[in-house]
């Protein structure tokens, strides 16, 4: 929990600085605290959209090759990737499906 809060604070500080640096010349002194958070969320959504494209997916498989070939890193990376893949919608039918199981009444 402490690590997650620490990483979140680093991310927020980074997005605030980046937003101020990018938008500073355009908006001048008019800056509302929290614009970095909004821009950070937009950056994450944009990265997610780009990563879902087929061409970008092929590039990501090339980038992740070193992570899948190193012994210790492979076990950590594969478990994190499978956990993240669980929450991402897959375009492949039959991979995940919802079923209703009716148990016969026992007497």
N, C-alpha and C. Protein backbone atom coordinates (compact mmCIF):
# COMPACT_ATOMS: atom_id res chain seq x y z
N UNK A 1 0.83 -1.18 0.00
CA UNK A 1 0.00 0.00 0.00
C UNK A 1 0.87 1.25 0.00
N UNK A 2 1.93 1.23 0.80
CA UNK A 2 2.83 2.37 0.86
C UNK A 2 3.53 2.57 -0.48
N UNK A 3 3.92 1.46 -1.13
CA UNK A 3 4.56 1.56 -2.42
C UNK A 3 3.61 2.14 -3.47
N UNK A 4 2.35 1.72 -3.44
CA UNK A 4 1.37 2.24 -4.38
C UNK A 4 1.14 3.73 -4.17
N UNK A 5 1.05 4.16 -2.92
CA UNK A 5 0.88 5.59 -2.64
C UNK A 5 2.11 6.39 -3.05
N UNK A 6 3.29 5.83 -2.82
CA UNK A 6 4.52 6.50 -3.22
C UNK A 6 4.58 6.65 -4.74
N UNK A 7 4.28 5.58 -5.48
CA UNK A 7 4.29 5.64 -6.94
C UNK A 7 3.23 6.60 -7.46
N UNK A 8 2.09 6.64 -6.81
CA UNK A 8 1.04 7.58 -7.21
C UNK A 8 1.49 9.02 -7.00
N UNK A 9 2.16 9.29 -5.90
CA UNK A 9 2.64 10.66 -5.66
C UNK A 9 3.72 11.05 -6.66
N UNK A 10 4.59 10.12 -7.02
CA UNK A 10 5.61 10.39 -8.04
C UNK A 10 4.93 10.66 -9.39
N UNK A 11 3.94 9.84 -9.73
CA UNK A 11 3.22 10.01 -10.99
C UNK A 11 2.51 11.36 -11.03
N UNK A 12 1.86 11.75 -9.93
CA UNK A 12 1.17 13.03 -9.91
C UNK A 12 2.14 14.20 -10.01
N UNK A 13 3.26 14.12 -9.32
CA UNK A 13 4.27 15.19 -9.40
C UNK A 13 4.83 15.29 -10.82
N UNK A 14 5.08 14.16 -11.43
CA UNK A 14 5.61 14.14 -12.79
C UNK A 14 4.60 14.73 -13.78
N UNK A 15 3.33 14.34 -13.67
CA UNK A 15 2.34 14.86 -14.60
C UNK A 15 2.08 16.34 -14.38
N UNK A 16 2.14 16.80 -13.14
CA UNK A 16 1.98 18.24 -12.88
C UNK A 16 3.11 19.03 -13.54
N UNK A 17 4.36 18.56 -13.37
CA UNK A 17 5.50 19.25 -13.98
C UNK A 17 5.43 19.21 -15.50
N UNK A 18 5.08 18.05 -16.05
CA UNK A 18 4.99 17.91 -17.49
C UNK A 18 3.89 18.80 -18.07
N UNK A 19 2.75 18.83 -17.41
CA UNK A 19 1.64 19.66 -17.87
C UNK A 19 1.99 21.14 -17.80
N UNK A 20 2.63 21.54 -16.72
CA UNK A 20 3.04 22.93 -16.59
C UNK A 20 4.07 23.30 -17.65
N UNK A 21 4.98 22.39 -17.95
CA UNK A 21 6.00 22.65 -18.96
C UNK A 21 5.40 22.75 -20.36
N UNK A 22 4.42 21.85 -20.67
CA UNK A 22 3.81 21.84 -22.00
C UNK A 22 2.80 22.98 -22.15
N UNK A 23 1.94 23.15 -21.15
CA UNK A 23 0.88 24.14 -21.26
C UNK A 23 1.28 25.53 -20.77
N UNK A 24 2.41 25.64 -20.07
CA UNK A 24 2.84 26.92 -19.53
C UNK A 24 2.94 28.02 -20.57
N UNK A 25 3.61 27.78 -21.70
CA UNK A 25 3.69 28.83 -22.71
C UNK A 25 2.33 29.18 -23.34
N UNK A 26 1.41 28.23 -23.33
CA UNK A 26 0.10 28.48 -23.96
C UNK A 26 -0.87 29.22 -23.03
N UNK A 27 -0.86 28.86 -21.75
CA UNK A 27 -1.84 29.45 -20.83
C UNK A 27 -1.25 30.49 -19.90
N UNK A 28 0.06 30.64 -19.95
CA UNK A 28 0.71 31.66 -19.11
C UNK A 28 0.62 31.32 -17.63
N UNK A 29 0.19 32.30 -16.83
CA UNK A 29 0.11 32.11 -15.39
C UNK A 29 -1.17 31.42 -14.94
N UNK A 30 -2.10 31.16 -15.85
CA UNK A 30 -3.37 30.52 -15.49
C UNK A 30 -3.16 29.01 -15.43
N UNK A 31 -2.95 28.53 -14.22
CA UNK A 31 -2.76 27.09 -14.04
C UNK A 31 -3.54 26.65 -12.82
N UNK A 32 -4.37 25.66 -12.98
CA UNK A 32 -5.18 25.12 -11.88
C UNK A 32 -4.52 23.83 -11.40
N UNK A 33 -4.22 23.74 -10.09
CA UNK A 33 -3.68 22.47 -9.59
C UNK A 33 -4.66 21.33 -9.87
N UNK A 34 -4.13 20.25 -10.36
CA UNK A 34 -4.96 19.11 -10.73
C UNK A 34 -5.03 18.91 -12.24
N UNK A 35 -4.55 19.90 -12.99
CA UNK A 35 -4.50 19.74 -14.44
C UNK A 35 -3.55 18.62 -14.82
N UNK A 36 -2.54 18.40 -14.00
CA UNK A 36 -1.61 17.30 -14.24
C UNK A 36 -2.28 15.96 -14.07
N UNK A 37 -3.18 15.86 -13.09
CA UNK A 37 -3.91 14.61 -12.88
C UNK A 37 -4.79 14.30 -14.09
N UNK A 38 -5.48 15.32 -14.58
CA UNK A 38 -6.35 15.13 -15.75
C UNK A 38 -5.51 14.74 -16.96
N UNK A 39 -4.39 15.44 -17.16
CA UNK A 39 -3.54 15.09 -18.31
C UNK A 39 -2.92 13.71 -18.12
N UNK A 40 -2.59 13.31 -16.90
CA UNK A 40 -2.05 11.97 -16.66
C UNK A 40 -3.05 10.88 -17.00
N UNK A 41 -4.30 11.09 -16.63
CA UNK A 41 -5.35 10.12 -16.96
C UNK A 41 -5.53 10.05 -18.48
N UNK A 42 -5.50 11.20 -19.13
CA UNK A 42 -5.62 11.22 -20.59
C UNK A 42 -4.44 10.52 -21.26
N UNK A 43 -3.25 10.69 -20.71
CA UNK A 43 -2.07 10.01 -21.26
C UNK A 43 -2.22 8.49 -21.11
N UNK A 44 -2.70 8.04 -19.96
CA UNK A 44 -2.89 6.60 -19.74
C UNK A 44 -3.93 6.04 -20.70
N UNK A 45 -5.02 6.77 -20.90
CA UNK A 45 -6.05 6.32 -21.84
C UNK A 45 -5.52 6.29 -23.27
N UNK A 46 -4.72 7.27 -23.65
CA UNK A 46 -4.14 7.29 -24.98
C UNK A 46 -3.18 6.13 -25.19
N UNK A 47 -2.36 5.85 -24.19
CA UNK A 47 -1.43 4.71 -24.30
C UNK A 47 -2.21 3.40 -24.41
N UNK A 48 -3.29 3.27 -23.64
CA UNK A 48 -4.12 2.07 -23.73
C UNK A 48 -4.77 1.91 -25.08
N UNK A 49 -5.23 3.01 -25.65
CA UNK A 49 -5.85 2.95 -26.98
C UNK A 49 -4.81 2.56 -28.03
N UNK A 50 -3.64 3.18 -27.97
CA UNK A 50 -2.59 2.87 -28.94
C UNK A 50 -2.13 1.42 -28.79
N UNK A 51 -2.01 0.94 -27.57
CA UNK A 51 -1.56 -0.44 -27.34
C UNK A 51 -2.58 -1.47 -27.79
N UNK A 52 -3.84 -1.07 -27.95
CA UNK A 52 -4.85 -2.03 -28.38
C UNK A 52 -4.90 -2.18 -29.90
N UNK A 53 -4.20 -1.34 -30.61
CA UNK A 53 -4.15 -1.44 -32.07
C UNK A 53 -3.27 -2.62 -32.48
N UNK A 54 -3.63 -3.32 -33.56
CA UNK A 54 -2.86 -4.50 -33.97
C UNK A 54 -1.39 -4.23 -34.28
N UNK A 55 -1.09 -3.11 -34.96
CA UNK A 55 0.31 -2.81 -35.30
C UNK A 55 1.12 -2.54 -34.04
N UNK A 56 0.54 -1.83 -33.10
CA UNK A 56 1.24 -1.54 -31.85
C UNK A 56 1.40 -2.81 -31.03
N UNK A 57 0.44 -3.71 -31.10
CA UNK A 57 0.54 -4.97 -30.37
C UNK A 57 1.72 -5.80 -30.86
N UNK A 58 1.96 -5.78 -32.18
CA UNK A 58 3.10 -6.51 -32.73
C UNK A 58 4.41 -5.89 -32.23
N UNK A 59 4.47 -4.56 -32.17
CA UNK A 59 5.66 -3.88 -31.66
C UNK A 59 5.87 -4.21 -30.18
N UNK A 60 4.79 -4.28 -29.42
CA UNK A 60 4.91 -4.61 -28.00
C UNK A 60 5.42 -6.03 -27.78
N UNK A 61 5.07 -6.96 -28.65
CA UNK A 61 5.60 -8.32 -28.51
C UNK A 61 7.11 -8.34 -28.72
N UNK A 62 7.61 -7.47 -29.61
CA UNK A 62 9.06 -7.39 -29.82
C UNK A 62 9.72 -6.75 -28.60
N UNK A 63 9.09 -5.73 -28.04
CA UNK A 63 9.65 -5.04 -26.88
C UNK A 63 9.67 -5.95 -25.65
N UNK A 64 8.68 -6.83 -25.52
CA UNK A 64 8.63 -7.67 -24.32
C UNK A 64 9.47 -8.94 -24.43
N UNK A 65 10.13 -9.17 -25.55
CA UNK A 65 10.99 -10.35 -25.69
C UNK A 65 12.05 -10.46 -24.60
N UNK A 66 12.79 -9.39 -24.26
CA UNK A 66 13.78 -9.55 -23.19
C UNK A 66 13.16 -9.95 -21.85
N UNK A 67 11.93 -9.48 -21.60
CA UNK A 67 11.29 -9.79 -20.33
C UNK A 67 10.83 -11.25 -20.26
N UNK A 68 10.57 -11.84 -21.41
CA UNK A 68 10.10 -13.23 -21.42
C UNK A 68 11.24 -14.24 -21.53
N UNK A 69 12.47 -13.77 -21.70
CA UNK A 69 13.59 -14.70 -21.85
C UNK A 69 14.53 -14.73 -20.65
N UNK A 70 14.49 -13.76 -19.77
CA UNK A 70 15.35 -13.76 -18.59
C UNK A 70 14.70 -14.60 -17.49
N UNK A 71 15.44 -15.49 -16.86
CA UNK A 71 14.84 -16.45 -15.92
C UNK A 71 14.03 -15.84 -14.77
N UNK A 72 14.58 -14.98 -13.98
CA UNK A 72 13.86 -14.44 -12.82
C UNK A 72 12.81 -13.44 -13.26
N UNK A 73 13.18 -12.59 -14.21
CA UNK A 73 12.26 -11.57 -14.71
C UNK A 73 11.08 -12.22 -15.40
N UNK A 74 11.32 -13.35 -16.06
CA UNK A 74 10.26 -14.06 -16.79
C UNK A 74 9.12 -14.47 -15.86
N UNK A 75 9.45 -15.00 -14.70
CA UNK A 75 8.40 -15.46 -13.79
C UNK A 75 7.59 -14.28 -13.24
N UNK A 76 8.26 -13.19 -12.90
CA UNK A 76 7.55 -12.02 -12.38
C UNK A 76 6.72 -11.38 -13.49
N UNK A 77 7.34 -11.19 -14.66
CA UNK A 77 6.65 -10.53 -15.78
C UNK A 77 5.45 -11.34 -16.25
N UNK A 78 5.61 -12.65 -16.37
CA UNK A 78 4.51 -13.47 -16.87
C UNK A 78 3.34 -13.48 -15.90
N UNK A 79 3.61 -13.48 -14.60
CA UNK A 79 2.51 -13.45 -13.64
C UNK A 79 1.80 -12.10 -13.66
N UNK A 80 2.54 -11.01 -13.76
CA UNK A 80 1.92 -9.68 -13.85
C UNK A 80 1.14 -9.53 -15.16
N UNK A 81 1.69 -10.06 -16.24
CA UNK A 81 1.01 -9.96 -17.54
C UNK A 81 -0.27 -10.78 -17.55
N UNK A 82 -0.26 -11.96 -16.99
CA UNK A 82 -1.48 -12.77 -16.96
C UNK A 82 -2.53 -12.13 -16.06
N UNK A 83 -2.10 -11.49 -14.98
CA UNK A 83 -3.04 -10.77 -14.13
C UNK A 83 -3.66 -9.59 -14.87
N UNK A 84 -2.85 -8.85 -15.61
CA UNK A 84 -3.37 -7.71 -16.38
C UNK A 84 -4.24 -8.19 -17.53
N UNK A 85 -3.88 -9.30 -18.16
CA UNK A 85 -4.68 -9.83 -19.26
C UNK A 85 -6.05 -10.31 -18.79
N UNK A 86 -6.13 -10.67 -17.54
CA UNK A 86 -7.43 -11.12 -17.00
C UNK A 86 -8.46 -10.00 -17.06
N UNK A 87 -8.01 -8.76 -16.87
CA UNK A 87 -8.94 -7.62 -16.85
C UNK A 87 -9.12 -6.98 -18.22
N UNK A 88 -8.29 -7.32 -19.18
CA UNK A 88 -8.43 -6.71 -20.50
C UNK A 88 -9.38 -7.55 -21.35
N UNK A 89 -10.23 -6.86 -22.11
CA UNK A 89 -11.14 -7.61 -22.98
C UNK A 89 -10.35 -8.23 -24.12
N UNK A 90 -10.61 -9.48 -24.40
CA UNK A 90 -9.89 -10.16 -25.47
C UNK A 90 -10.82 -10.33 -26.67
N UNK A 91 -10.24 -10.22 -27.83
CA UNK A 91 -11.02 -10.36 -29.05
C UNK A 91 -11.15 -11.81 -29.48
N UNK A 92 -10.56 -12.72 -28.73
CA UNK A 92 -10.59 -14.12 -29.11
C UNK A 92 -11.77 -14.82 -28.42
N UNK A 93 -12.70 -15.33 -29.20
CA UNK A 93 -13.86 -15.99 -28.58
C UNK A 93 -13.46 -17.33 -27.96
N UNK A 94 -14.16 -17.69 -26.93
CA UNK A 94 -13.95 -18.98 -26.28
C UNK A 94 -12.88 -18.96 -25.22
N UNK A 95 -12.17 -17.88 -25.12
CA UNK A 95 -11.12 -17.81 -24.10
C UNK A 95 -11.73 -17.67 -22.71
N UNK A 96 -12.72 -16.79 -22.60
CA UNK A 96 -13.43 -16.62 -21.34
C UNK A 96 -14.92 -16.65 -21.67
N UNK A 97 -15.66 -17.37 -20.88
CA UNK A 97 -17.10 -17.41 -21.12
C UNK A 97 -17.82 -17.59 -19.79
N UNK A 98 -19.01 -17.08 -19.76
CA UNK A 98 -19.84 -17.19 -18.56
C UNK A 98 -20.79 -18.35 -18.77
N UNK A 99 -20.91 -19.20 -17.76
CA UNK A 99 -21.80 -20.35 -17.86
C UNK A 99 -22.72 -20.38 -16.64
N UNK A 100 -23.86 -20.96 -16.83
CA UNK A 100 -24.78 -21.19 -15.72
C UNK A 100 -24.81 -22.69 -15.48
N UNK A 101 -24.55 -23.07 -14.27
CA UNK A 101 -24.54 -24.49 -13.91
C UNK A 101 -25.74 -24.74 -13.00
N UNK A 102 -26.61 -25.57 -13.46
CA UNK A 102 -27.78 -25.93 -12.65
C UNK A 102 -27.50 -27.28 -11.98
N UNK A 103 -27.49 -27.26 -10.67
CA UNK A 103 -27.25 -28.48 -9.92
C UNK A 103 -28.60 -29.16 -9.70
N UNK A 104 -28.69 -30.45 -10.03
CA UNK A 104 -29.96 -31.14 -9.81
C UNK A 104 -30.30 -31.17 -8.32
N UNK A 105 -31.57 -31.06 -8.07
CA UNK A 105 -32.02 -31.06 -6.67
C UNK A 105 -31.75 -32.42 -6.04
N UNK A 106 -31.18 -32.40 -4.88
CA UNK A 106 -30.90 -33.65 -4.16
C UNK A 106 -31.92 -33.80 -3.04
N UNK A 107 -32.35 -35.02 -2.78
CA UNK A 107 -33.35 -35.28 -1.73
C UNK A 107 -32.79 -36.10 -0.65
